[in-house]
Protein backbone atom coordinates (compact mmCIF):
# COMPACT_ATOMS: atom_id res chain seq x y z
CA MET A 1 0.00 0.00 0.00
CA ARG A 2 1.26 3.43 -0.87
CA THR A 3 2.34 5.59 2.03
CA ARG A 4 -0.23 8.32 2.51
CA ILE A 5 0.89 11.65 1.14
CA MET A 6 1.43 14.15 3.93
CA MET A 7 -1.06 16.98 3.94
CA SER A 8 1.69 19.55 3.72
CA SER A 9 2.37 18.28 0.20
CA ILE A 10 -1.11 19.25 -0.95
CA ALA A 11 -1.22 22.67 0.62
CA VAL A 12 -0.11 24.18 -2.66
CA TRP A 13 -3.23 23.16 -4.54
CA LEU A 14 -4.93 26.45 -3.85
CA ALA A 15 -1.88 28.68 -3.66
CA ALA A 16 -2.09 31.74 -5.88
CA LEU A 17 1.07 33.17 -7.39
CA SER A 18 2.06 36.81 -6.89
CA HIS A 19 1.05 39.49 -9.41
CA PRO A 20 -2.45 38.15 -10.14
CA VAL A 21 -3.73 38.76 -13.65
CA GLN A 22 -7.38 38.73 -14.56
CA ALA A 23 -7.33 37.11 -18.01
CA GLN A 24 -11.10 37.31 -18.50
CA PRO A 25 -13.75 39.16 -16.47
CA VAL A 26 -15.15 36.86 -13.78
CA GLU A 27 -18.68 37.47 -15.07
CA THR A 28 -17.84 35.64 -18.31
CA ILE A 29 -17.74 32.31 -16.49
CA ALA A 30 -21.00 30.63 -15.49
CA SER A 31 -22.57 31.60 -12.19
CA LEU A 32 -22.91 28.25 -10.45
CA ALA A 33 -24.40 27.59 -7.04
CA VAL A 34 -22.20 26.23 -4.27
CA VAL A 35 -23.09 22.62 -3.52
CA LYS A 36 -22.53 21.04 -0.09
CA PRO A 37 -21.72 17.38 0.61
CA VAL A 38 -24.57 14.98 1.23
CA GLN A 39 -22.48 12.41 3.10
CA SER A 40 -19.48 12.29 5.41
CA CYS A 41 -15.92 12.30 4.15
CA ALA A 42 -15.20 9.05 5.99
CA GLY A 43 -18.11 7.45 4.18
CA LEU A 44 -16.22 7.68 0.89
CA ALA A 45 -13.91 4.93 2.13
CA GLN A 46 -16.68 2.46 1.33
CA LEU A 47 -16.96 3.45 -2.33
CA ASP A 48 -16.53 0.48 -4.66
CA LEU A 49 -13.99 1.30 -7.38
CA SER A 50 -13.62 -2.20 -8.81
CA GLN A 51 -15.89 -1.38 -11.75
CA ILE A 52 -13.49 1.40 -12.69
CA GLY A 53 -10.02 0.02 -11.99
CA GLY A 54 -10.64 -3.70 -11.62
CA ALA A 55 -10.23 -6.06 -8.67
CA GLY A 56 -8.11 -4.56 -5.91
CA SER A 57 -9.09 -0.97 -6.68
CA LYS A 58 -10.13 0.83 -3.52
CA VAL A 59 -10.13 3.97 -1.42
CA THR A 60 -7.17 3.74 0.97
CA SER A 61 -7.97 6.80 3.08
CA ALA A 62 -10.57 9.56 3.36
CA GLU A 63 -10.16 12.31 5.92
CA GLU A 64 -11.15 15.90 6.48
CA THR A 65 -8.41 18.48 6.66
CA ARG A 66 -7.67 22.04 5.63
CA SER A 67 -5.51 23.10 2.74
CA GLY A 68 -4.59 26.72 2.23
CA GLY A 69 -7.33 27.60 4.69
CA ILE A 70 -9.95 25.71 2.63
CA PRO A 71 -11.67 22.74 4.30
CA VAL A 72 -11.43 19.66 2.09
CA CYS A 73 -12.04 15.94 2.14
CA SER A 74 -8.78 14.37 1.02
CA VAL A 75 -9.16 10.95 -0.54
CA ASN A 76 -6.33 8.61 -1.51
CA LEU A 77 -7.10 5.63 -3.68
CA THR A 78 -5.47 2.81 -5.61
CA LEU A 79 -6.60 1.77 -9.08
CA ALA A 80 -5.29 -1.69 -9.87
CA PRO A 81 -2.63 -2.68 -10.20
CA ALA A 82 -0.59 0.26 -8.90
CA ILE A 83 -2.10 3.60 -9.94
CA HIS A 84 -2.22 5.95 -6.96
CA THR A 85 -4.50 8.96 -7.05
CA GLN A 86 -5.43 11.74 -4.68
CA VAL A 87 -8.68 13.70 -4.84
CA LEU A 88 -9.47 16.88 -2.89
CA LEU A 89 -13.16 17.62 -2.43
CA PRO A 90 -14.06 21.00 -0.88
CA THR A 91 -16.52 20.64 1.98
CA GLU A 92 -17.88 24.18 1.79
CA GLY A 93 -17.22 26.01 -1.48
CA TRP A 94 -17.58 23.56 -4.38
CA THR A 95 -18.96 25.30 -7.49
CA GLN A 96 -19.72 22.14 -9.46
CA ARG A 97 -16.39 22.16 -11.31
CA TYR A 98 -13.73 19.46 -11.54
CA LEU A 99 -10.03 20.05 -12.33
CA GLN A 100 -7.53 17.27 -12.99
CA VAL A 101 -3.83 18.15 -13.19
CA GLY A 102 -1.04 16.34 -14.98
CA CYS A 103 2.50 15.50 -13.89
CA GLY A 104 5.90 16.18 -15.45
CA GLY A 105 8.90 14.17 -16.60
CA LEU A 106 8.28 10.45 -16.20
CA CYS A 107 5.88 11.22 -13.35
CA GLY A 108 5.94 8.80 -10.41
CA ASN A 109 4.56 11.25 -7.83
CA ILE A 110 1.34 13.07 -7.07
CA THR A 111 1.49 16.84 -7.57
CA LEU A 112 -1.73 18.72 -6.94
CA ARG A 113 -0.72 22.01 -8.47
CA SER A 114 -2.40 23.91 -11.27
CA GLY A 115 0.00 26.05 -13.28
CA ALA A 116 -0.89 28.75 -15.81
CA SER A 117 -3.71 29.66 -13.41
CA ASN A 118 -2.28 32.81 -11.88
CA GLY A 119 -5.11 34.81 -10.30
CA CYS A 120 -7.86 32.29 -11.13
CA GLN A 121 -10.51 33.18 -8.54
CA VAL A 122 -12.36 29.85 -8.67
CA LEU A 123 -9.10 28.06 -7.91
CA THR A 124 -8.17 30.45 -5.11
CA ASP A 125 -11.60 30.17 -3.51
CA GLY A 126 -11.58 26.37 -3.52
CA GLY A 127 -14.31 26.01 -6.11
CA PHE A 128 -12.80 22.97 -7.85
CA VAL A 129 -12.64 19.36 -6.86
CA MET A 130 -9.05 18.51 -7.78
CA ALA A 131 -7.27 15.26 -8.55
CA ALA A 132 -3.86 14.00 -9.65
CA THR A 133 -2.16 10.63 -10.15
CA ASP A 134 1.36 9.20 -10.07
CA MET A 135 0.66 7.37 -13.37
CA GLY A 136 1.17 3.94 -11.82
CA HIS A 137 4.77 3.92 -10.61
CA SER A 138 7.34 5.59 -8.38
CA ALA A 139 9.75 8.24 -9.62
CA ARG A 140 12.59 6.46 -7.86
CA GLU A 141 12.54 3.31 -10.00
CA MET A 142 12.60 2.61 -13.71
CA GLU A 143 11.76 -1.08 -13.72
CA TRP A 144 8.16 -0.15 -14.44
CA GLY A 145 9.21 0.46 -18.03
CA LEU A 146 9.80 -3.27 -18.43
CA ASP A 147 6.22 -4.11 -17.46
CA GLU A 148 3.53 -3.94 -20.16
CA GLN A 149 0.72 -3.02 -17.79
CA ARG A 150 2.66 -0.17 -16.23
CA ARG A 151 3.66 1.16 -19.64
CA VAL A 152 -0.01 1.25 -20.58
CA ASP A 153 -0.90 2.91 -17.28
CA PHE A 154 1.68 5.62 -17.91
CA ALA A 155 0.79 6.05 -21.55
CA TYR A 156 -2.93 6.66 -21.13
CA ARG A 157 -4.82 4.49 -18.63
CA ALA A 158 -3.92 6.26 -15.36
CA GLN A 159 -5.29 9.68 -16.27
CA HIS A 160 -8.50 8.25 -17.74
CA LEU A 161 -9.21 6.06 -14.72
CA THR A 162 -8.41 8.95 -12.40
CA ALA A 163 -11.07 11.01 -14.17
CA LEU A 164 -13.62 8.22 -13.81
CA ALA A 165 -12.79 7.60 -10.15
CA ALA A 166 -12.83 11.30 -9.22
CA LYS A 167 -16.20 11.75 -10.87
CA ALA A 168 -17.54 8.76 -8.96
CA LEU A 169 -16.33 10.34 -5.72
CA ILE A 170 -17.98 13.63 -6.69
CA ALA A 171 -21.31 11.94 -7.37
CA SER A 172 -21.16 10.08 -4.06
CA PHE A 173 -19.97 12.98 -1.91
CA TYR A 174 -22.19 15.74 -3.31
CA GLY A 175 -25.10 13.68 -4.58
CA GLN A 176 -24.69 15.02 -8.12
CA ALA A 177 -22.23 15.07 -11.00
CA GLU A 178 -19.91 17.93 -11.79
CA LYS A 179 -21.27 20.56 -14.17
CA PHE A 180 -17.95 21.17 -15.98
CA SER A 181 -14.67 19.26 -16.03
CA TYR A 182 -11.18 20.53 -16.91
CA PHE A 183 -7.66 19.16 -17.36
CA ASN A 184 -4.49 21.22 -16.95
CA GLY A 185 -0.99 19.88 -17.48
CA CYS A 186 2.45 20.86 -18.73
CA SER A 187 5.39 18.92 -20.17
CA ASP A 188 4.42 15.26 -19.87
CA GLY A 189 1.29 16.68 -18.27
CA GLY A 190 0.70 18.44 -21.58
CA ARG A 191 1.10 15.11 -23.35
CA GLU A 192 -1.37 13.59 -20.90
CA ALA A 193 -3.77 16.43 -21.65
CA LEU A 194 -3.64 15.74 -25.39
CA VAL A 195 -3.92 11.99 -24.81
CA GLU A 196 -7.22 12.69 -23.06
CA ALA A 197 -8.50 14.76 -25.99
CA GLN A 198 -7.40 12.13 -28.50
CA ARG A 199 -8.39 8.94 -26.68
CA TYR A 200 -11.18 9.98 -24.31
CA PRO A 201 -12.85 13.01 -25.89
CA GLU A 202 -15.73 13.09 -23.41
CA ASP A 203 -13.67 13.05 -20.20
CA PHE A 204 -13.13 16.83 -20.12
CA ASP A 205 -14.94 19.90 -21.41
CA GLY A 206 -11.80 22.03 -21.47
CA ILE A 207 -8.14 21.05 -21.71
CA VAL A 208 -5.08 23.26 -21.17
CA ALA A 209 -1.88 21.66 -22.51
CA GLY A 210 1.39 23.47 -21.83
CA ALA A 211 4.70 22.62 -23.55
CA PRO A 212 3.33 19.15 -24.32
CA ALA A 213 5.75 16.27 -24.78
CA THR A 214 3.71 15.22 -27.80
CA LEU A 215 6.62 13.32 -29.36
CA PHE A 216 7.46 11.41 -26.19
CA GLN A 217 9.58 8.88 -28.07
CA VAL A 218 11.77 11.34 -29.96
CA GLN A 219 11.83 13.83 -27.09
CA ASN A 220 13.43 11.50 -24.56
CA THR A 221 15.84 9.78 -26.94
CA LEU A 222 17.07 11.63 -30.02
CA TYR A 223 16.38 15.11 -28.60
CA HIS A 224 17.76 14.83 -25.06
CA GLY A 225 20.24 12.16 -26.10
CA TRP A 226 21.71 14.54 -28.68
CA LEU A 227 21.89 17.42 -26.23
CA ALA A 228 23.68 15.19 -23.73
CA VAL A 229 26.31 13.69 -26.02
CA SER A 230 26.91 16.99 -27.83
CA ASN A 231 28.09 18.56 -24.59
CA THR A 232 30.13 15.63 -23.33
CA ALA A 233 33.83 15.22 -24.13
CA LYS A 234 35.47 11.85 -24.76
CA ASP A 235 36.68 11.76 -21.16
CA GLY A 236 33.12 12.24 -19.90
CA SER A 237 33.53 15.88 -18.86
CA THR A 238 31.19 18.73 -19.76
CA ILE A 239 32.48 20.93 -22.60
CA LEU A 240 30.22 23.98 -22.27
CA THR A 241 29.61 24.95 -18.64
CA SER A 242 26.94 27.27 -17.32
CA ASP A 243 29.25 30.20 -16.59
CA ARG A 244 29.60 30.61 -20.38
CA LEU A 245 25.85 30.89 -21.03
CA PRO A 246 25.53 34.64 -20.24
CA LEU A 247 28.14 35.33 -22.93
CA VAL A 248 26.15 33.39 -25.51
CA HIS A 249 22.81 34.83 -24.46
CA LYS A 250 24.07 38.42 -24.54
CA ALA A 251 25.37 37.98 -28.07
CA VAL A 252 22.12 36.38 -29.28
CA VAL A 253 20.00 39.15 -27.74
CA GLU A 254 22.20 41.88 -29.20
CA ALA A 255 21.89 40.30 -32.64
CA CYS A 256 18.17 39.51 -32.62
CA ASP A 257 16.31 41.48 -29.95
CA ALA A 258 15.23 44.36 -32.21
CA LEU A 259 14.07 42.10 -35.06
CA ASP A 260 10.58 41.94 -33.55
CA GLY A 261 10.29 45.71 -33.62
CA VAL A 262 11.40 46.74 -30.14
CA LYS A 263 14.46 46.36 -27.92
CA ASP A 264 13.18 44.89 -24.69
CA GLY A 265 15.63 42.09 -23.95
CA LEU A 266 13.27 39.44 -25.36
CA ILE A 267 13.22 37.60 -28.66
CA SER A 268 9.54 37.39 -29.58
CA GLU A 269 10.03 35.96 -33.06
CA PRO A 270 13.00 33.58 -32.96
CA ALA A 271 12.24 32.55 -36.56
CA LYS A 272 13.78 35.86 -37.63
CA CYS A 273 17.01 35.25 -35.69
CA ASN A 274 19.95 33.98 -37.74
CA PHE A 275 22.62 34.32 -35.08
CA ASP A 276 26.05 33.09 -36.12
CA ILE A 277 28.06 31.59 -33.25
CA ALA A 278 31.23 32.37 -35.20
CA THR A 279 30.82 36.03 -34.18
CA ILE A 280 31.81 35.17 -30.60
CA THR A 281 34.26 32.34 -31.31
CA CYS A 282 37.83 33.01 -30.22
CA LYS A 283 40.47 33.42 -32.88
CA GLU A 284 42.92 30.60 -33.35
CA GLY A 285 45.60 30.76 -30.68
CA GLN A 286 43.77 33.36 -28.58
CA LYS A 287 44.63 32.86 -24.92
CA ASP A 288 42.10 35.18 -23.27
CA THR A 289 38.70 33.48 -23.72
CA SER A 290 36.75 35.58 -21.23
CA THR A 291 34.84 37.34 -24.00
CA CYS A 292 34.63 34.56 -26.55
CA LEU A 293 33.97 30.84 -26.83
CA THR A 294 36.59 28.24 -27.61
CA THR A 295 36.22 26.29 -30.83
CA ALA A 296 34.94 23.30 -28.84
CA GLU A 297 32.40 25.40 -26.94
CA SER A 298 31.14 27.01 -30.14
CA ALA A 299 30.73 23.59 -31.71
CA VAL A 300 28.48 22.57 -28.79
CA VAL A 301 26.29 25.64 -29.17
CA ARG A 302 25.96 25.05 -32.90
CA LYS A 303 24.94 21.43 -32.29
CA ILE A 304 22.36 22.50 -29.71
CA TYR A 305 20.65 24.84 -32.16
CA GLU A 306 20.88 22.48 -35.14
CA GLY A 307 20.04 19.16 -33.52
CA PRO A 308 20.86 15.66 -34.74
CA LYS A 309 20.99 14.92 -38.44
CA ASP A 310 20.93 11.62 -40.24
CA GLU A 311 24.51 10.87 -41.19
CA LYS A 312 23.47 9.55 -44.62
CA THR A 313 20.91 12.10 -45.80
CA GLY A 314 21.72 15.11 -43.63
CA LEU A 315 18.04 15.46 -42.73
CA PRO A 316 17.21 16.59 -39.16
CA LEU A 317 15.88 13.97 -36.76
CA THR A 318 13.82 16.26 -34.52
CA ALA A 319 10.98 18.67 -35.23
CA GLY A 320 12.99 21.49 -33.67
CA GLN A 321 15.58 22.45 -31.08
CA PRO A 322 15.93 25.11 -28.34
CA GLN A 323 15.22 28.54 -29.82
CA PRO A 324 17.49 31.61 -29.85
CA GLY A 325 16.90 33.45 -26.58
CA SER A 326 16.66 30.31 -24.44
CA GLU A 327 20.38 30.12 -23.57
CA LEU A 328 20.20 31.02 -19.87
CA ASN A 329 17.68 28.21 -19.37
CA TRP A 330 20.08 25.53 -20.64
CA GLN A 331 21.72 25.41 -17.22
CA GLY A 332 21.17 22.09 -15.49
CA VAL A 333 19.33 20.58 -18.44
CA PHE A 334 22.18 19.94 -20.90
CA VAL A 335 24.79 22.33 -19.52
CA ALA A 336 26.37 21.55 -16.14
CA ASP A 337 27.88 24.03 -13.71
CA GLU A 338 31.12 22.07 -13.43
CA ARG A 339 33.29 20.12 -15.85
CA ARG A 340 32.55 16.93 -13.94
CA GLY A 341 28.94 17.78 -13.25
CA HIS A 342 25.94 15.88 -14.54
CA PHE A 343 22.73 17.22 -16.01
CA MET A 344 19.12 16.37 -16.72
CA SER A 345 19.39 15.29 -20.37
CA GLN A 346 21.81 12.52 -19.41
CA MET A 347 19.66 11.37 -16.52
CA ILE A 348 16.34 11.14 -18.33
CA ALA A 349 17.48 9.84 -21.74
CA THR A 350 19.44 6.87 -20.39
CA PRO A 351 16.62 5.09 -18.50
CA VAL A 352 14.16 5.74 -21.33
CA LEU A 353 16.58 4.23 -23.85
CA GLN A 354 17.15 1.23 -21.60
CA THR A 355 13.56 0.36 -20.68
CA ILE A 356 10.87 2.26 -22.58
CA ALA A 357 11.78 3.56 -26.02
CA PHE A 358 12.32 0.40 -28.04
CA SER A 359 10.37 -2.85 -28.38
CA LYS A 360 13.31 -4.78 -26.93
CA ALA A 361 14.65 -3.45 -23.63
CA ASP A 362 18.39 -3.34 -23.01
CA PRO A 363 19.45 -2.39 -19.46
CA ARG A 364 23.07 -2.07 -20.66
CA PHE A 365 22.25 0.61 -23.25
CA GLU A 366 24.29 3.76 -22.73
CA LEU A 367 24.09 7.17 -24.38
CA ASN A 368 27.21 6.46 -26.42
CA ASP A 369 25.33 3.55 -28.01
CA LEU A 370 22.65 5.85 -29.40
CA GLN A 371 22.91 6.20 -33.18
CA PHE A 372 21.53 9.40 -34.64
CA THR A 373 20.13 7.91 -37.80
CA ARG A 374 16.87 7.48 -39.70
CA GLU A 375 16.97 3.84 -38.60
CA THR A 376 16.81 4.87 -34.94
CA LEU A 377 13.92 7.22 -35.64
CA ASP A 378 12.07 4.43 -37.40
CA ALA A 379 12.78 2.02 -34.52
CA LEU A 380 10.96 4.45 -32.21
CA ARG A 381 7.81 4.14 -34.32
CA ALA A 382 6.86 0.80 -32.77
CA ARG A 383 5.76 2.50 -29.56
CA HIS A 384 4.73 5.78 -31.17
CA PRO A 385 0.99 4.85 -31.10
CA LEU A 386 1.34 3.98 -27.41
CA PHE A 387 3.23 6.93 -25.95
CA ASP A 388 2.98 9.83 -28.40
CA ALA A 389 0.13 12.33 -28.35
CA THR A 390 0.32 13.57 -31.93
CA SER A 391 -2.90 12.25 -33.45
CA THR A 392 -4.55 15.10 -35.34
CA ASP A 393 -7.97 13.48 -35.35
CA LEU A 394 -9.82 15.50 -32.72
CA LYS A 395 -13.18 15.25 -34.48
CA ALA A 396 -14.75 13.39 -31.57
CA PHE A 397 -13.41 15.97 -29.11
CA GLU A 398 -14.79 18.76 -31.30
CA LYS A 399 -18.15 16.98 -31.59
CA ALA A 400 -18.33 16.62 -27.81
CA GLY A 401 -17.93 20.40 -27.51
CA GLY A 402 -14.41 20.22 -26.07
CA LYS A 403 -12.09 23.23 -26.03
CA LEU A 404 -8.30 23.10 -26.17
CA ILE A 405 -5.69 25.72 -25.29
CA LEU A 406 -2.07 24.94 -26.20
CA TRP A 407 0.73 27.10 -24.84
CA HIS A 408 4.51 27.00 -25.00
CA GLY A 409 7.39 29.20 -23.86
CA LEU A 410 9.63 30.37 -26.68
CA ALA A 411 12.66 30.03 -24.38
CA ASP A 412 11.78 26.46 -23.39
CA GLN A 413 14.91 24.44 -22.64
CA HIS A 414 13.28 21.01 -22.33
CA ILE A 415 10.88 20.77 -25.27
CA SER A 416 11.12 22.79 -28.45
CA PRO A 417 8.09 24.99 -29.17
CA ALA A 418 8.49 23.77 -32.76
CA ASN A 419 6.82 20.54 -31.61
CA THR A 420 3.69 22.31 -30.41
CA LEU A 421 3.49 24.55 -33.46
CA SER A 422 3.91 21.49 -35.68
CA TYR A 423 0.95 19.84 -33.95
CA HIS A 424 -1.16 22.99 -34.28
CA LYS A 425 -0.46 23.23 -38.00
CA ALA A 426 -1.03 19.51 -38.52
CA LEU A 427 -4.43 19.86 -36.83
CA ILE A 428 -5.36 22.55 -39.33
CA ASP A 429 -4.05 20.48 -42.25
CA PHE A 430 -6.28 17.56 -41.26
CA MET A 431 -9.39 19.25 -39.85
CA GLY A 432 -9.37 22.61 -41.60
CA ASP A 433 -8.70 26.08 -40.27
CA GLN A 434 -12.33 26.97 -39.58
CA SER A 435 -12.98 23.78 -37.66
CA VAL A 436 -9.83 24.08 -35.54
CA HIS A 437 -10.46 27.75 -34.82
CA GLY A 438 -13.78 26.73 -33.30
CA PHE A 439 -12.19 24.73 -30.48
CA GLU A 440 -8.41 25.36 -30.25
CA ARG A 441 -5.98 28.21 -29.51
CA LEU A 442 -2.17 28.28 -29.35
CA TYR A 443 -0.17 30.82 -27.31
CA LEU A 444 3.61 31.20 -27.66
CA LEU A 445 5.17 33.18 -24.79
CA PRO A 446 8.35 35.24 -25.38
CA GLY A 447 11.19 34.69 -22.90
CA THR A 448 9.28 31.95 -21.05
CA ALA A 449 11.13 28.79 -20.02
CA HIS A 450 9.75 25.29 -19.66
CA CYS A 451 6.23 25.47 -18.17
CA GLY A 452 6.97 28.93 -16.75
CA GLY A 453 9.82 30.97 -15.36
CA GLY A 454 12.54 32.47 -17.48
CA GLU A 455 13.31 36.10 -18.28
CA GLY A 456 10.01 36.98 -19.90
CA PRO A 457 6.58 37.51 -18.36
CA SER A 458 5.39 33.95 -17.76
CA ASN A 459 2.71 34.35 -15.09
CA LEU A 460 -0.68 34.01 -16.74
CA ASP A 461 -4.14 32.62 -16.20
CA LEU A 462 -5.39 30.27 -18.89
CA LEU A 463 -7.87 28.49 -16.64
CA THR A 464 -10.31 31.41 -16.35
CA PRO A 465 -10.37 32.04 -20.13
CA MET A 466 -10.93 28.32 -20.61
CA MET A 467 -13.91 28.38 -18.25
CA ALA A 468 -15.31 31.42 -20.04
CA TRP A 469 -14.98 29.59 -23.37
CA VAL A 470 -16.52 26.33 -22.18
CA GLU A 471 -19.24 27.76 -19.97
CA ASN A 472 -20.35 30.86 -21.86
CA GLY A 473 -18.84 30.57 -25.33
CA HIS A 474 -16.37 33.47 -24.92
CA ALA A 475 -13.36 32.40 -27.01
CA PRO A 476 -10.05 33.77 -25.68
CA ASP A 477 -7.95 36.32 -27.52
CA GLY A 478 -5.38 38.58 -25.83
CA ILE A 479 -4.23 37.41 -22.40
CA MET A 480 -2.04 39.49 -20.13
CA THR A 481 1.16 37.97 -18.76
CA THR A 482 3.35 39.26 -15.92
CA SER A 483 6.93 38.76 -14.78
CA THR A 484 7.93 36.31 -12.13
CA GLY A 485 11.20 36.20 -10.24
CA ALA A 486 10.81 32.53 -9.38
CA ARG A 487 11.71 29.42 -11.31
CA SER A 488 8.72 27.33 -12.29
CA ASP A 489 8.25 23.85 -10.85
CA PHE A 490 5.01 23.19 -12.75
CA GLY A 491 5.55 20.24 -15.06
CA GLN A 492 9.24 19.97 -14.22
CA PRO A 493 10.63 16.42 -14.25
CA GLU A 494 11.50 14.60 -11.07
CA LEU A 495 14.55 12.65 -12.15
CA PRO A 496 15.45 9.05 -11.35
CA ALA A 497 18.14 8.79 -8.69
CA LYS A 498 21.66 8.59 -10.12
CA GLY A 499 23.00 7.05 -6.97
CA LYS A 500 21.90 6.37 -3.44
CA GLY A 501 20.57 9.55 -1.93
CA ASP A 502 21.15 11.50 -5.15
CA ALA A 503 17.86 12.79 -6.61
CA GLY A 504 19.35 14.73 -9.48
CA PRO A 505 21.67 17.56 -10.44
CA PRO A 506 23.15 19.67 -7.63
CA PRO A 507 21.76 23.14 -6.86
CA GLN A 508 22.50 25.52 -9.70
CA LYS A 509 24.84 28.45 -9.46
CA LYS A 510 23.45 31.93 -9.99
CA LEU A 511 24.40 33.09 -13.47
CA ASP A 512 26.05 36.47 -13.86
CA TYR A 513 23.47 38.18 -16.04
CA PRO A 514 21.41 41.27 -15.18
CA PRO A 515 17.69 40.50 -14.82
CA LEU A 516 15.19 42.22 -17.05
CA PRO A 517 12.88 44.75 -15.41
CA ALA A 518 9.47 43.57 -14.27
CA MET A 519 6.98 43.75 -17.10
CA THR A 520 3.48 42.97 -18.23
CA ARG A 521 2.76 41.94 -21.81
CA PRO A 522 -0.30 40.66 -23.68
CA VAL A 523 0.05 37.46 -25.66
CA TYR A 524 -2.22 36.60 -28.59
CA PRO A 525 -3.24 33.37 -30.30
CA TYR A 526 -0.83 32.17 -32.98
CA PRO A 527 0.06 33.51 -35.51
CA TYR A 528 -0.37 36.99 -34.02
CA VAL A 529 2.32 38.72 -32.00
CA ALA A 530 2.08 41.59 -29.56
CA ALA A 531 3.17 44.93 -30.99
CA TYR A 532 4.44 47.96 -29.06
CA SER A 533 2.31 51.05 -29.66
CA GLY A 534 5.41 53.25 -29.77
CA LYS A 535 4.34 55.31 -26.76
CA GLY A 536 4.81 54.86 -23.04
CA ASP A 537 6.80 52.40 -20.97
CA VAL A 538 7.77 49.39 -23.05
CA ASN A 539 7.45 47.22 -19.94
CA ASP A 540 3.79 48.15 -19.43
CA GLY A 541 1.42 45.80 -21.23
CA ALA A 542 -1.11 48.60 -21.61
CA ASN A 543 1.18 50.04 -24.28
CA TRP A 544 1.03 46.91 -26.42
CA GLN A 545 -1.61 45.72 -28.86
CA LYS A 546 -2.36 42.93 -31.28
CA GLY A 547 0.16 43.02 -34.09
CA ASN A 548 0.59 41.26 -37.39
CA ALA A 549 0.72 37.55 -38.03
CA GLY A 550 4.22 36.13 -37.92
CA GLU A 551 6.10 32.89 -38.44
CA ILE A 552 7.37 33.10 -34.80
CA VAL A 553 9.05 29.66 -34.84
CA LYS A 554 10.73 28.31 -37.94
CA LEU A 555 9.62 24.78 -38.86
CA ARG A 556 11.58 22.38 -41.04
CA ASP A 557 11.18 19.25 -43.08
CA TRP A 558 12.22 16.11 -41.23
CA PRO A 559 11.48 12.40 -41.74
CA GLY A 560 9.30 12.26 -38.60
CA ALA A 561 6.82 14.91 -39.76
CA ASP A 562 4.29 12.18 -40.55
CA LEU A 563 4.14 11.34 -36.84
CA PHE A 564 1.77 14.32 -36.62
CA SER A 565 -1.12 12.56 -38.33
CA PRO A 566 -4.60 11.10 -37.65
CA PHE A 567 -3.29 7.72 -36.48
CA LYS A 568 -5.19 5.32 -34.25
CA PRO A 569 -3.61 5.25 -30.78
CA ALA A 570 -2.53 1.80 -29.65
CA GLU A 571 -4.82 -0.18 -27.37
CA ARG A 572 -3.68 -2.98 -25.17
């Protein structure tokens, strides 16, 4: 039996971030009556879940507590064989809404936090029943990847069963069903969000998918594998260390900042940036390298931007790479602080390559064994229908009245925004622009790192606009974003232990780079970009407006483009 999660770990479920932003007027969401429970919290322990999760599925605990000052009934349950889920049911302020949140990385833990919800009043007031799952395994072991059932649970079953179980608890506790249901996730949580839309179109009325790991197979092998080996010398040391990143970032910003029409320290249209790393590469024989990169360091940066290419055809093997302007965010992901340090790309790619990615597992597989070829890409196709969330057939979701908001930071260090834009465009290619515009929006956020944080204004509320869209038909347009001084932990991966007591990379050093001033900035649905009016403080969002359509992120031809297609997801 899973050890009960301490209540302190769920206290964040209602926490509101600083600098609240009202994305849509509150009156645009439905006015729903507060519904009180019709039975005791303890009584939920008797709920039969076997019809949902199979024999052995059960409630393991149900107790009243307070979280963030809001009284809730906290329910822990197991869905056979090993899916653990937690559901929080408000005892006083439930407004007939349900919110399920996804998890990041390879999951393995329960995180009841809703990101991209900054200032959402319903969330702050405790108006949602909330639920989350660990996806059927622990973050501290990778053996689950060798088990077919647990692979299926991670791929799609855990989130679907969690939705069914949570709704059963709602019906039992309040004596009625929820009026509206929502899903919000980022990174793998974004993949989980899209899996729900593609496989179970009637589970949720509204889905918010941030920086989705749509191409799970490519993402955790060719993408992170390339980033890891490209920055590793033959002796195993790191070539490009984090203290060199400010130098690179400064040069990129100086070259490309003004291309979007205003100098504000952000690159809002990285597609226009053609930065040449040679401009800051040291001359041959130069001894002082404080203001330039060595030839080896420059080669690493070039490889990061370009990505892996098939050695026979020269064609790229990923949909896209980190964008210009993301350089400061590379720290800890594929750039270590020390020459002998380790980083995230190494730690997540290796276990995936050993246990999950290919049809035949090989626990001895090491990063140096990874071949960056078309053959490797094709070998990943066997489990593409299982893990990937790239099916463009959302006709059933559209028919059910579902709404989808995609969002991605342009300075994302973990997942290229080119992936999300590729999915958006593939949706339009298959379903038509008019159809897609009726139920989907894509927001690309300048200067925003993976699932939040970064230099740009990354605090935003997408949950309230989603409710307004679902409940009253008000489709979102411009949404205000604000700066945050904190790193985001929404959707961030919890890495497998490298050694006993070692949960991941060491604490990161503070980079020597001046922070940008606090700012607000509207963001508009793709392909539109925010444009400065030419008057007033450039850091005040009130002085910005909807600009012209732009390319924003440059896409490219690659032999995996067909992975974004209306395929039938694999069933067990």
